[in-house]
Amino acid sequence: MLVLIPAPGPSARPIDSIVIHATGGPGCKNGRLWHAPGGTLESNLRHFAAHPNIGYHYLIGRDGETVAGTPEAQVAFHARGHNTASIGIELVNDGNGKDPFPPAQINALIDLLARLLHRYDLTPDRILGHSEVDRRDFVCGGKRYKLKIDPGGEYPGSRGNFPWKRVREALR
């Protein structure tokens, strides 16, 4: 099920990029690196509802169900320093480079991206990973780690598994 908000009118904010996220992410517990699981579509909807200081424009479940969040004409707080001119899309995924992105989810993402690229007259090179726009890091157990590695994980031992090539080729 795809839920789209109507296209913004002429006075809408300018959009220059689309940022892809995964709902899971790294952290530090008791001096050890750990990775929060991505959860389910429902658990993420509850999480975002309980934390109004973070946001998304679209959230795509593992089965491809797509839910609209913050209206496109409004800023969603999803990528520090890049919120005012971007659309944020969250994928339910652990984001650790190991959790697979199911075909239904990627197909729904490609469909949504095609609509957004057309709507905002963008090219596929303006689709960015959260890891590309947020370079913050943190220290855990005496080692430094990148805070944002989504959508597909980029830690030692993980080359990342988000299908960038498939997505970009489908949109050309």
N, C-alpha and C. Protein backbone atom coordinates (compact mmCIF):
# COMPACT_ATOMS: atom_id res chain seq x y z
N MET A 1 0.85 -1.18 0.00
CA MET A 1 0.00 0.00 0.00
C MET A 1 0.89 1.23 0.00
N LEU A 2 0.69 2.12 -0.94
CA LEU A 2 1.47 3.34 -1.04
C LEU A 2 0.58 4.51 -0.69
N VAL A 3 0.99 5.27 0.31
CA VAL A 3 0.24 6.43 0.74
C VAL A 3 1.07 7.65 0.38
N LEU A 4 0.60 8.45 -0.56
CA LEU A 4 1.33 9.64 -0.97
C LEU A 4 0.58 10.89 -0.58
N ILE A 5 1.32 11.88 -0.16
CA ILE A 5 0.75 13.19 0.13
C ILE A 5 0.71 13.94 -1.19
N PRO A 6 -0.32 14.73 -1.45
CA PRO A 6 -0.39 15.47 -2.71
C PRO A 6 0.88 16.30 -2.95
N ALA A 7 1.22 16.46 -4.19
CA ALA A 7 2.40 17.26 -4.55
C ALA A 7 2.28 18.66 -3.99
N PRO A 8 3.39 19.19 -3.49
CA PRO A 8 3.36 20.55 -2.95
C PRO A 8 3.07 21.57 -4.04
N GLY A 9 2.50 22.68 -3.65
CA GLY A 9 2.21 23.75 -4.59
C GLY A 9 3.44 24.56 -4.91
N PRO A 10 3.29 25.61 -5.72
CA PRO A 10 4.43 26.40 -6.17
C PRO A 10 5.20 27.09 -5.04
N SER A 11 4.58 27.31 -3.90
CA SER A 11 5.27 28.00 -2.83
C SER A 11 6.02 27.03 -1.90
N ALA A 12 6.08 25.78 -2.29
CA ALA A 12 6.76 24.77 -1.46
C ALA A 12 8.25 25.05 -1.37
N ARG A 13 8.86 24.54 -0.33
CA ARG A 13 10.31 24.72 -0.14
C ARG A 13 11.08 24.01 -1.24
N PRO A 14 12.22 24.53 -1.64
CA PRO A 14 13.01 23.88 -2.69
C PRO A 14 13.64 22.59 -2.17
N ILE A 15 13.61 21.55 -2.97
CA ILE A 15 14.19 20.25 -2.61
C ILE A 15 15.36 19.98 -3.55
N ASP A 16 16.53 19.68 -2.97
CA ASP A 16 17.70 19.39 -3.80
C ASP A 16 18.25 17.98 -3.59
N SER A 17 17.66 17.22 -2.66
CA SER A 17 18.15 15.86 -2.44
C SER A 17 17.11 15.01 -1.71
N ILE A 18 17.33 13.71 -1.79
CA ILE A 18 16.51 12.73 -1.09
C ILE A 18 17.48 11.89 -0.28
N VAL A 19 17.23 11.75 1.01
CA VAL A 19 18.13 11.03 1.90
C VAL A 19 17.47 9.73 2.35
N ILE A 20 18.19 8.61 2.13
CA ILE A 20 17.70 7.28 2.49
C ILE A 20 18.29 6.88 3.84
N HIS A 21 17.44 6.37 4.71
CA HIS A 21 17.82 5.96 6.06
C HIS A 21 17.43 4.50 6.30
N ALA A 22 18.00 3.91 7.34
CA ALA A 22 17.52 2.65 7.89
C ALA A 22 17.10 2.96 9.32
N THR A 23 16.08 2.26 9.81
CA THR A 23 15.55 2.57 11.13
C THR A 23 16.44 2.07 12.27
N GLY A 24 17.31 1.09 12.02
CA GLY A 24 18.24 0.63 13.04
C GLY A 24 19.52 1.44 13.02
N GLY A 25 20.36 1.26 14.02
CA GLY A 25 21.61 2.00 14.02
C GLY A 25 22.53 1.63 15.16
N PRO A 26 23.78 2.07 15.05
CA PRO A 26 24.79 1.72 16.04
C PRO A 26 24.67 2.55 17.31
N GLY A 27 25.24 2.02 18.37
CA GLY A 27 25.29 2.72 19.64
C GLY A 27 26.35 2.08 20.52
N CYS A 28 26.43 2.54 21.75
CA CYS A 28 27.42 2.04 22.70
C CYS A 28 26.71 1.69 24.00
N LYS A 29 26.89 0.48 24.45
CA LYS A 29 26.33 0.04 25.74
C LYS A 29 27.45 -0.58 26.55
N ASN A 30 27.66 -0.02 27.73
CA ASN A 30 28.69 -0.55 28.63
C ASN A 30 30.05 -0.69 27.94
N GLY A 31 30.38 0.30 27.12
CA GLY A 31 31.68 0.30 26.46
C GLY A 31 31.81 -0.66 25.30
N ARG A 32 30.68 -1.22 24.85
CA ARG A 32 30.71 -2.16 23.72
C ARG A 32 29.79 -1.66 22.62
N LEU A 33 30.28 -1.79 21.38
CA LEU A 33 29.49 -1.42 20.22
C LEU A 33 28.31 -2.38 20.08
N TRP A 34 27.15 -1.86 19.84
CA TRP A 34 25.97 -2.68 19.59
C TRP A 34 25.15 -2.02 18.49
N HIS A 35 24.20 -2.73 17.97
CA HIS A 35 23.39 -2.21 16.87
C HIS A 35 21.92 -2.40 17.20
N ALA A 36 21.20 -1.29 17.29
CA ALA A 36 19.76 -1.35 17.57
C ALA A 36 19.05 -1.97 16.37
N PRO A 37 18.15 -2.91 16.61
CA PRO A 37 17.41 -3.52 15.50
C PRO A 37 16.46 -2.51 14.84
N GLY A 38 16.13 -2.78 13.58
CA GLY A 38 15.28 -1.88 12.81
C GLY A 38 13.80 -1.93 13.18
N GLY A 39 13.38 -3.00 13.84
CA GLY A 39 11.99 -3.10 14.28
C GLY A 39 11.03 -3.42 13.15
N THR A 40 9.78 -3.06 13.36
CA THR A 40 8.71 -3.28 12.39
C THR A 40 8.15 -1.93 11.97
N LEU A 41 7.32 -1.94 10.95
CA LEU A 41 6.67 -0.70 10.53
C LEU A 41 5.89 -0.11 11.70
N GLU A 42 5.14 -0.96 12.39
CA GLU A 42 4.31 -0.49 13.50
C GLU A 42 5.14 0.06 14.66
N SER A 43 6.23 -0.65 15.01
CA SER A 43 7.05 -0.16 16.13
C SER A 43 7.73 1.16 15.77
N ASN A 44 8.09 1.34 14.52
CA ASN A 44 8.70 2.59 14.10
C ASN A 44 7.69 3.73 14.08
N LEU A 45 6.47 3.44 13.67
CA LEU A 45 5.42 4.48 13.72
C LEU A 45 5.21 4.94 15.16
N ARG A 46 5.21 4.00 16.10
CA ARG A 46 5.07 4.36 17.53
C ARG A 46 6.28 5.18 17.99
N HIS A 47 7.48 4.76 17.57
CA HIS A 47 8.70 5.46 17.97
C HIS A 47 8.69 6.92 17.48
N PHE A 48 8.37 7.12 16.21
CA PHE A 48 8.34 8.48 15.68
C PHE A 48 7.24 9.31 16.35
N ALA A 49 6.11 8.70 16.64
CA ALA A 49 5.02 9.43 17.31
C ALA A 49 5.45 9.86 18.72
N ALA A 50 6.25 9.05 19.38
CA ALA A 50 6.71 9.36 20.74
C ALA A 50 7.90 10.32 20.76
N HIS A 51 8.52 10.54 19.61
CA HIS A 51 9.70 11.41 19.53
C HIS A 51 9.50 12.46 18.43
N PRO A 52 8.71 13.50 18.71
CA PRO A 52 8.41 14.50 17.67
C PRO A 52 9.60 15.34 17.22
N ASN A 53 10.75 15.20 17.89
CA ASN A 53 11.94 15.95 17.48
C ASN A 53 12.67 15.28 16.32
N ILE A 54 12.25 14.07 15.93
CA ILE A 54 12.80 13.41 14.75
C ILE A 54 11.65 13.13 13.79
N GLY A 55 11.95 13.04 12.51
CA GLY A 55 10.86 12.86 11.57
C GLY A 55 11.28 12.17 10.29
N TYR A 56 10.33 12.00 9.42
CA TYR A 56 10.53 11.37 8.13
C TYR A 56 9.42 11.86 7.23
N HIS A 57 9.65 11.79 5.93
CA HIS A 57 8.57 12.08 4.98
C HIS A 57 7.86 10.79 4.58
N TYR A 58 8.64 9.70 4.44
CA TYR A 58 8.07 8.40 4.10
C TYR A 58 8.78 7.31 4.89
N LEU A 59 8.03 6.31 5.28
CA LEU A 59 8.54 5.14 5.98
C LEU A 59 8.08 3.91 5.19
N ILE A 60 9.04 3.06 4.79
CA ILE A 60 8.72 1.90 3.97
C ILE A 60 9.02 0.62 4.75
N GLY A 61 7.97 -0.20 4.94
CA GLY A 61 8.13 -1.46 5.65
C GLY A 61 8.80 -2.51 4.79
N ARG A 62 9.15 -3.61 5.42
CA ARG A 62 9.82 -4.70 4.72
C ARG A 62 8.94 -5.30 3.62
N ASP A 63 7.62 -5.19 3.77
CA ASP A 63 6.69 -5.74 2.77
C ASP A 63 6.35 -4.73 1.68
N GLY A 64 6.97 -3.54 1.75
CA GLY A 64 6.72 -2.50 0.75
C GLY A 64 5.65 -1.51 1.14
N GLU A 65 4.95 -1.77 2.25
CA GLU A 65 3.93 -0.80 2.69
C GLU A 65 4.63 0.52 2.97
N THR A 66 4.08 1.59 2.41
CA THR A 66 4.68 2.91 2.52
C THR A 66 3.72 3.85 3.22
N VAL A 67 4.22 4.50 4.26
CA VAL A 67 3.41 5.41 5.05
C VAL A 67 4.00 6.81 4.96
N ALA A 68 3.16 7.78 4.69
CA ALA A 68 3.59 9.17 4.65
C ALA A 68 3.64 9.72 6.06
N GLY A 69 4.66 10.52 6.34
CA GLY A 69 4.81 11.14 7.66
C GLY A 69 4.65 12.64 7.52
N THR A 70 5.72 13.38 7.77
CA THR A 70 5.70 14.82 7.63
C THR A 70 5.37 15.19 6.19
N PRO A 71 4.44 16.10 5.95
CA PRO A 71 4.14 16.51 4.57
C PRO A 71 5.41 17.03 3.88
N GLU A 72 5.53 16.74 2.60
CA GLU A 72 6.72 17.14 1.84
C GLU A 72 6.99 18.64 1.90
N ALA A 73 5.97 19.44 2.00
CA ALA A 73 6.14 20.89 2.03
C ALA A 73 6.73 21.37 3.36
N GLN A 74 6.80 20.46 4.34
CA GLN A 74 7.35 20.81 5.64
C GLN A 74 8.69 20.12 5.87
N VAL A 75 9.50 20.70 6.72
CA VAL A 75 10.80 20.13 7.07
C VAL A 75 10.58 18.96 8.03
N ALA A 76 11.20 17.83 7.73
CA ALA A 76 11.24 16.70 8.65
C ALA A 76 12.66 16.60 9.18
N PHE A 77 12.82 16.40 10.47
CA PHE A 77 14.15 16.37 11.08
C PHE A 77 14.71 14.95 11.01
N HIS A 78 15.41 14.68 9.89
CA HIS A 78 15.90 13.33 9.62
C HIS A 78 17.39 13.27 9.33
N ALA A 79 18.01 14.37 8.91
CA ALA A 79 19.43 14.36 8.55
C ALA A 79 20.05 15.69 8.96
N ARG A 80 20.72 15.70 10.08
CA ARG A 80 21.29 16.91 10.64
C ARG A 80 22.04 17.73 9.58
N GLY A 81 21.65 19.00 9.47
CA GLY A 81 22.29 19.91 8.52
C GLY A 81 21.77 19.82 7.10
N HIS A 82 20.85 18.89 6.83
CA HIS A 82 20.35 18.69 5.47
C HIS A 82 18.83 18.60 5.43
N ASN A 83 18.18 19.05 6.44
CA ASN A 83 16.72 18.89 6.53
C ASN A 83 15.93 19.87 5.66
N THR A 84 16.41 21.10 5.57
CA THR A 84 15.58 22.13 4.95
C THR A 84 15.34 21.93 3.46
N ALA A 85 16.24 21.24 2.76
CA ALA A 85 16.08 21.08 1.31
C ALA A 85 16.08 19.61 0.88
N SER A 86 15.65 18.72 1.78
CA SER A 86 15.65 17.30 1.42
C SER A 86 14.36 16.61 1.83
N ILE A 87 14.14 15.46 1.20
CA ILE A 87 13.06 14.55 1.56
C ILE A 87 13.72 13.37 2.25
N GLY A 88 13.19 12.93 3.39
CA GLY A 88 13.75 11.82 4.14
C GLY A 88 12.89 10.57 4.00
N ILE A 89 13.52 9.47 3.61
CA ILE A 89 12.83 8.19 3.48
C ILE A 89 13.49 7.19 4.42
N GLU A 90 12.72 6.63 5.33
CA GLU A 90 13.19 5.61 6.27
C GLU A 90 12.79 4.24 5.75
N LEU A 91 13.74 3.31 5.77
CA LEU A 91 13.48 1.91 5.43
C LEU A 91 13.56 1.09 6.71
N VAL A 92 12.56 0.28 6.97
CA VAL A 92 12.62 -0.60 8.14
C VAL A 92 13.71 -1.63 7.86
N ASN A 93 14.82 -1.49 8.58
CA ASN A 93 15.97 -2.34 8.38
C ASN A 93 16.94 -2.10 9.52
N ASP A 94 17.69 -3.13 9.90
CA ASP A 94 18.67 -2.97 10.96
C ASP A 94 19.79 -2.00 10.57
N GLY A 95 20.04 -1.84 9.28
CA GLY A 95 21.05 -0.90 8.81
C GLY A 95 22.47 -1.32 9.15
N ASN A 96 22.67 -2.59 9.42
CA ASN A 96 23.98 -3.07 9.86
C ASN A 96 24.81 -3.70 8.75
N GLY A 97 24.31 -3.67 7.52
CA GLY A 97 25.04 -4.26 6.41
C GLY A 97 24.81 -5.74 6.26
N LYS A 98 24.03 -6.33 7.15
CA LYS A 98 23.73 -7.76 7.10
C LYS A 98 22.25 -8.04 6.89
N ASP A 99 21.40 -7.20 7.47
CA ASP A 99 19.95 -7.38 7.36
C ASP A 99 19.54 -7.13 5.90
N PRO A 100 18.90 -8.10 5.25
CA PRO A 100 18.55 -7.92 3.83
C PRO A 100 17.44 -6.89 3.63
N PHE A 101 17.48 -6.27 2.47
CA PHE A 101 16.41 -5.38 2.03
C PHE A 101 15.52 -6.20 1.10
N PRO A 102 14.32 -6.58 1.54
CA PRO A 102 13.47 -7.45 0.71
C PRO A 102 13.10 -6.79 -0.62
N PRO A 103 12.90 -7.60 -1.67
CA PRO A 103 12.54 -7.05 -2.98
C PRO A 103 11.30 -6.16 -2.94
N ALA A 104 10.29 -6.52 -2.17
CA ALA A 104 9.07 -5.69 -2.10
C ALA A 104 9.40 -4.29 -1.56
N GLN A 105 10.29 -4.22 -0.60
CA GLN A 105 10.68 -2.93 -0.02
C GLN A 105 11.46 -2.09 -1.04
N ILE A 106 12.39 -2.71 -1.73
CA ILE A 106 13.18 -1.97 -2.71
C ILE A 106 12.32 -1.56 -3.89
N ASN A 107 11.39 -2.41 -4.32
CA ASN A 107 10.48 -2.03 -5.41
C ASN A 107 9.62 -0.83 -5.01
N ALA A 108 9.13 -0.83 -3.78
CA ALA A 108 8.33 0.31 -3.30
C ALA A 108 9.19 1.57 -3.23
N LEU A 109 10.44 1.42 -2.80
CA LEU A 109 11.36 2.56 -2.74
C LEU A 109 11.60 3.12 -4.13
N ILE A 110 11.87 2.25 -5.10
CA ILE A 110 12.12 2.70 -6.47
C ILE A 110 10.91 3.44 -7.02
N ASP A 111 9.72 2.93 -6.78
CA ASP A 111 8.49 3.58 -7.24
C ASP A 111 8.35 4.97 -6.61
N LEU A 112 8.57 5.06 -5.32
CA LEU A 112 8.48 6.34 -4.63
C LEU A 112 9.56 7.30 -5.13
N LEU A 113 10.78 6.82 -5.26
CA LEU A 113 11.87 7.67 -5.74
C LEU A 113 11.59 8.20 -7.14
N ALA A 114 11.05 7.37 -8.01
CA ALA A 114 10.74 7.81 -9.37
C ALA A 114 9.76 8.98 -9.34
N ARG A 115 8.76 8.88 -8.49
CA ARG A 115 7.77 9.97 -8.36
C ARG A 115 8.42 11.23 -7.81
N LEU A 116 9.26 11.07 -6.80
CA LEU A 116 9.90 12.23 -6.18
C LEU A 116 10.92 12.89 -7.11
N LEU A 117 11.69 12.09 -7.82
CA LEU A 117 12.65 12.66 -8.77
C LEU A 117 11.93 13.48 -9.83
N HIS A 118 10.84 12.96 -10.32
CA HIS A 118 10.04 13.68 -11.32
C HIS A 118 9.45 14.96 -10.72
N ARG A 119 8.86 14.83 -9.55
CA ARG A 119 8.20 15.96 -8.89
C ARG A 119 9.16 17.11 -8.65
N TYR A 120 10.38 16.80 -8.25
CA TYR A 120 11.35 17.85 -7.89
C TYR A 120 12.42 18.06 -8.95
N ASP A 121 12.26 17.43 -10.11
CA ASP A 121 13.20 17.58 -11.22
C ASP A 121 14.64 17.29 -10.77
N LEU A 122 14.81 16.14 -10.11
CA LEU A 122 16.12 15.71 -9.62
C LEU A 122 16.62 14.53 -10.44
N THR A 123 17.91 14.30 -10.40
CA THR A 123 18.52 13.14 -11.04
C THR A 123 18.88 12.12 -9.96
N PRO A 124 19.08 10.85 -10.34
CA PRO A 124 19.39 9.82 -9.35
C PRO A 124 20.63 10.10 -8.50
N ASP A 125 21.56 10.91 -8.98
CA ASP A 125 22.74 11.22 -8.18
C ASP A 125 22.41 12.10 -6.97
N ARG A 126 21.18 12.61 -6.91
CA ARG A 126 20.74 13.42 -5.76
C ARG A 126 20.06 12.57 -4.69
N ILE A 127 20.11 11.25 -4.87
CA ILE A 127 19.65 10.32 -3.84
C ILE A 127 20.87 9.95 -3.02
N LEU A 128 20.84 10.24 -1.74
CA LEU A 128 22.01 10.08 -0.88
C LEU A 128 21.69 9.17 0.30
N GLY A 129 22.71 8.51 0.79
CA GLY A 129 22.57 7.74 2.03
C GLY A 129 22.78 8.65 3.22
N HIS A 130 22.15 8.34 4.33
CA HIS A 130 22.33 9.13 5.55
C HIS A 130 23.82 9.21 5.91
N SER A 131 24.53 8.12 5.68
CA SER A 131 25.96 8.09 5.98
C SER A 131 26.76 9.11 5.16
N GLU A 132 26.24 9.51 4.01
CA GLU A 132 26.94 10.47 3.16
C GLU A 132 26.78 11.91 3.65
N VAL A 133 25.69 12.19 4.33
CA VAL A 133 25.41 13.58 4.73
C VAL A 133 25.66 13.86 6.20
N ASP A 134 25.83 12.81 7.01
CA ASP A 134 26.07 12.99 8.44
C ASP A 134 27.35 12.25 8.79
N ARG A 135 28.40 12.99 9.02
CA ARG A 135 29.71 12.39 9.24
C ARG A 135 30.12 12.36 10.72
N ARG A 136 29.17 12.55 11.61
CA ARG A 136 29.48 12.51 13.04
C ARG A 136 29.99 11.12 13.45
N ASP A 137 30.73 11.09 14.56
CA ASP A 137 31.20 9.82 15.07
C ASP A 137 31.07 9.80 16.59
N PHE A 138 31.39 8.67 17.19
CA PHE A 138 31.33 8.53 18.63
C PHE A 138 32.42 7.55 19.06
N VAL A 139 32.76 7.61 20.35
CA VAL A 139 33.77 6.72 20.90
C VAL A 139 33.07 5.68 21.76
N CYS A 140 33.46 4.43 21.57
CA CYS A 140 32.90 3.33 22.36
C CYS A 140 34.03 2.34 22.62
N GLY A 141 34.27 2.06 23.88
CA GLY A 141 35.33 1.10 24.22
C GLY A 141 36.69 1.54 23.75
N GLY A 142 36.90 2.85 23.69
CA GLY A 142 38.19 3.38 23.26
C GLY A 142 38.39 3.45 21.75
N LYS A 143 37.40 3.04 20.99
CA LYS A 143 37.48 3.10 19.53
C LYS A 143 36.46 4.10 18.99
N ARG A 144 36.79 4.70 17.86
CA ARG A 144 35.92 5.68 17.23
C ARG A 144 35.12 4.99 16.12
N TYR A 145 33.80 5.27 16.11
CA TYR A 145 32.90 4.69 15.12
C TYR A 145 32.06 5.79 14.48
N LYS A 146 31.66 5.57 13.27
CA LYS A 146 30.77 6.49 12.56
C LYS A 146 29.37 6.34 13.16
N LEU A 147 28.72 7.46 13.46
CA LEU A 147 27.41 7.42 14.08
C LEU A 147 26.32 7.00 13.10
N LYS A 148 26.37 7.50 11.89
CA LYS A 148 25.33 7.20 10.89
C LYS A 148 25.94 6.36 9.78
N ILE A 149 25.53 5.11 9.68
CA ILE A 149 26.06 4.21 8.67
C ILE A 149 24.96 3.72 7.73
N ASP A 150 23.78 4.26 7.89
CA ASP A 150 22.65 3.82 7.08
C ASP A 150 22.63 4.49 5.70
N PRO A 151 22.02 3.79 4.74
CA PRO A 151 21.05 2.73 4.97
C PRO A 151 21.63 1.32 5.12
N GLY A 152 22.82 1.02 4.64
CA GLY A 152 23.22 -0.37 4.58
C GLY A 152 24.43 -0.81 5.35
N GLY A 153 24.86 -0.06 6.34
CA GLY A 153 25.96 -0.49 7.19
C GLY A 153 27.32 -0.38 6.54
N GLU A 154 28.27 0.19 7.24
CA GLU A 154 29.62 0.37 6.70
C GLU A 154 30.66 0.20 7.80
N TYR A 155 30.47 -0.77 8.68
CA TYR A 155 31.43 -1.01 9.76
C TYR A 155 32.46 -2.04 9.34
N PRO A 156 33.58 -2.10 10.03
CA PRO A 156 34.56 -3.15 9.75
C PRO A 156 33.84 -4.51 9.76
N GLY A 157 34.12 -5.32 8.76
CA GLY A 157 33.45 -6.62 8.65
C GLY A 157 32.15 -6.53 7.89
N SER A 158 31.74 -5.33 7.52
CA SER A 158 30.50 -5.15 6.75
C SER A 158 30.77 -4.17 5.62
N ARG A 159 30.59 -4.61 4.39
CA ARG A 159 30.79 -3.76 3.23
C ARG A 159 29.55 -2.95 2.92
N GLY A 160 28.49 -3.20 3.62
CA GLY A 160 27.23 -2.54 3.32
C GLY A 160 26.45 -3.35 2.30
N ASN A 161 25.15 -3.38 2.45
CA ASN A 161 24.36 -4.22 1.56
C ASN A 161 23.18 -3.50 0.92
N PHE A 162 23.13 -2.18 1.01
CA PHE A 162 22.04 -1.49 0.34
C PHE A 162 22.28 -1.57 -1.17
N PRO A 163 21.24 -1.93 -1.96
CA PRO A 163 21.43 -2.14 -3.40
C PRO A 163 21.46 -0.85 -4.22
N TRP A 164 22.48 -0.02 -3.98
CA TRP A 164 22.57 1.27 -4.68
C TRP A 164 22.54 1.11 -6.19
N LYS A 165 23.31 0.17 -6.70
CA LYS A 165 23.39 -0.01 -8.16
C LYS A 165 22.02 -0.33 -8.74
N ARG A 166 21.31 -1.25 -8.13
CA ARG A 166 19.97 -1.63 -8.63
C ARG A 166 19.02 -0.44 -8.61
N VAL A 167 19.03 0.31 -7.51
CA VAL A 167 18.14 1.46 -7.36
C VAL A 167 18.45 2.51 -8.42
N ARG A 168 19.72 2.88 -8.55
CA ARG A 168 20.07 3.93 -9.50
C ARG A 168 19.82 3.51 -10.96
N GLU A 169 20.13 2.25 -11.27
CA GLU A 169 19.87 1.78 -12.64
C GLU A 169 18.38 1.78 -12.95
N ALA A 170 17.56 1.42 -12.01
CA ALA A 170 16.10 1.40 -12.23
C ALA A 170 15.56 2.80 -12.46
N LEU A 171 16.25 3.81 -11.97
CA LEU A 171 15.77 5.18 -12.07
C LEU A 171 16.37 5.96 -13.25
N ARG A 172 17.26 5.37 -13.99
CA ARG A 172 17.89 6.06 -15.13
C ARG A 172 17.00 5.97 -16.35
